[in-house]
C-alpha atoms as a PDB file:
ATOM      1  CA  MET A   1      14.434 -19.927  13.488  1.00  0.00           C
ATOM      2  CA  SER A   2      16.017 -19.930   9.971  1.00  0.00           C
ATOM      3  CA  LEU A   3      17.354 -17.720   7.232  1.00  0.00           C
ATOM      4  CA  VAL A   4      15.527 -16.968   4.432  1.00  0.00           C
ATOM      5  CA  ASP A   5      16.914 -16.554   0.674  1.00  0.00           C
ATOM      6  CA  VAL A   6      15.625 -13.277  -0.689  1.00  0.00           C
ATOM      7  CA  SER A   7      17.806 -13.437  -3.558  1.00  0.00           C
ATOM      8  CA  SER A   8      15.070 -14.597  -5.954  1.00  0.00           C
ATOM      9  CA  VAL A   9      13.229 -11.523  -5.241  1.00  0.00           C
ATOM     10  CA  SER A  10      13.771  -8.948  -8.544  1.00  0.00           C
ATOM     11  CA  ALA A  11      14.654  -5.381  -7.773  1.00  0.00           C
ATOM     12  CA  SER A  12      11.573  -4.282  -9.503  1.00  0.00           C
ATOM     13  CA  LEU A  13       9.324  -6.309  -7.226  1.00  0.00           C
ATOM     14  CA  PHE A  14      10.975  -4.922  -4.406  1.00  0.00           C
ATOM     15  CA  ILE A  15      10.625  -1.455  -5.226  1.00  0.00           C
ATOM     16  CA  LEU A  16       7.019  -1.936  -6.380  1.00  0.00           C
ATOM     17  CA  GLY A  17       6.173  -3.695  -3.064  1.00  0.00           C
ATOM     18  CA  VAL A  18       7.792  -0.543  -0.906  1.00  0.00           C
ATOM     19  CA  VAL A  19       6.086   2.271  -3.043  1.00  0.00           C
ATOM     20  CA  PHE A  20       2.855   0.659  -2.495  1.00  0.00           C
ATOM     21  CA  LEU A  21       3.248   0.061   0.953  1.00  0.00           C
ATOM     22  CA  LEU A  22       4.216   3.378   1.693  1.00  0.00           C
ATOM     23  CA  LEU A  23       1.186   4.724  -0.252  1.00  0.00           C
ATOM     24  CA  ILE A  24      -1.256   2.550   1.244  1.00  0.00           C
ATOM     25  CA  PHE A  25      -0.255   2.754   4.841  1.00  0.00           C
ATOM     26  CA  GLY A  26       0.543   6.526   4.526  1.00  0.00           C
ATOM     27  CA  LEU A  27      -3.068   7.148   2.936  1.00  0.00           C
ATOM     28  CA  LEU A  28      -4.702   4.873   6.094  1.00  0.00           C
ATOM     29  CA  SER A  29      -2.417   6.917   8.761  1.00  0.00           C
ATOM     30  CA  LEU A  30      -3.595  10.001   7.098  1.00  0.00           C
ATOM     31  CA  GLY A  31      -7.258   8.914   6.921  1.00  0.00           C
ATOM     32  CA  ILE A  32      -7.014   8.434  10.814  1.00  0.00           C
ATOM     33  CA  LEU A  33      -5.650  11.513  11.482  1.00  0.00           C
ATOM     34  CA  ARG A  34      -8.262  13.523   9.580  1.00  0.00           C
ATOM     35  CA  MET A  35     -11.000  11.425  11.233  1.00  0.00           C
ATOM     36  CA  PHE A  36      -9.543  12.561  14.835  1.00  0.00           C
ATOM     37  CA  GLN A  37      -9.514  16.385  13.446  1.00  0.00           C
ATOM     38  CA  GLN A  38     -13.291  15.813  12.848  1.00  0.00           C
ATOM     39  CA  LYS A  39     -12.627  16.405   9.052  1.00  0.00           C
ATOM     40  CA  PHE A  40     -14.613  12.849   8.063  1.00  0.00           C
ATOM     41  CA  ARG A  41     -15.042  13.791   4.244  1.00  0.00           C
ATOM     42  CA  THR A  42     -11.122  13.897   3.729  1.00  0.00           C
ATOM     43  CA  GLY A  43     -10.737  11.059   6.017  1.00  0.00           C
ATOM     44  CA  TRP A  44     -13.251   8.835   3.975  1.00  0.00           C
ATOM     45  CA  PHE A  45     -11.399  10.053   0.697  1.00  0.00           C
ATOM     46  CA  CYS A  46      -8.101   8.910   2.437  1.00  0.00           C
ATOM     47  CA  PHE A  47      -9.483   5.569   3.197  1.00  0.00           C
ATOM     48  CA  ALA A  48     -11.036   5.361  -0.481  1.00  0.00           C
ATOM     49  CA  GLY A  49      -7.544   6.169  -1.807  1.00  0.00           C
ATOM     50  CA  ALA A  50      -5.954   3.312   0.213  1.00  0.00           C
ATOM     51  CA  ILE A  51      -8.380   0.755  -0.913  1.00  0.00           C
ATOM     52  CA  ILE A  52      -8.061   1.701  -4.587  1.00  0.00           C
ATOM     53  CA  SER A  53      -4.286   1.718  -4.207  1.00  0.00           C
ATOM     54  CA  PHE A  54      -4.350  -1.870  -2.668  1.00  0.00           C
ATOM     55  CA  SER A  55      -6.550  -2.799  -5.792  1.00  0.00           C
ATOM     56  CA  VAL A  56      -4.135  -1.543  -8.237  1.00  0.00           C
ATOM     57  CA  PHE A  57      -1.069  -3.060  -6.358  1.00  0.00           C
ATOM     58  CA  MET A  58      -3.036  -6.539  -6.539  1.00  0.00           C
ATOM     59  CA  PHE A  59      -3.863  -6.307  -9.978  1.00  0.00           C
ATOM     60  CA  ILE A  60      -0.288  -5.240 -10.941  1.00  0.00           C
ATOM     61  CA  LEU A  61       1.138  -8.221  -8.810  1.00  0.00           C
ATOM     62  CA  ASN A  62      -1.093 -10.496 -10.702  1.00  0.00           C
ATOM     63  CA  LYS A  63      -0.426  -9.069 -13.973  1.00  0.00           C
ATOM     64  CA  TRP A  64       3.260  -8.889 -14.170  1.00  0.00           C
ATOM     65  CA  TYR A  65       4.592 -11.272 -11.259  1.00  0.00           C
ATOM     66  CA  VAL A  66       2.266 -14.106 -11.046  1.00  0.00           C
END
């Protein structure tokens, strides 16, 4: 196993990744929680929000960083 050089990653890319990862996985976990609470409509809205957030994240990455 070797060390990985992350010095070429910009601060804005790192912050963008952290914010979107917290948003996407937060919505997924909230959706699973709502499904266990038998609140299916709210759970599906959380899943849809996670999918939309992932799509926006991929669009921003392709537009600004690739």
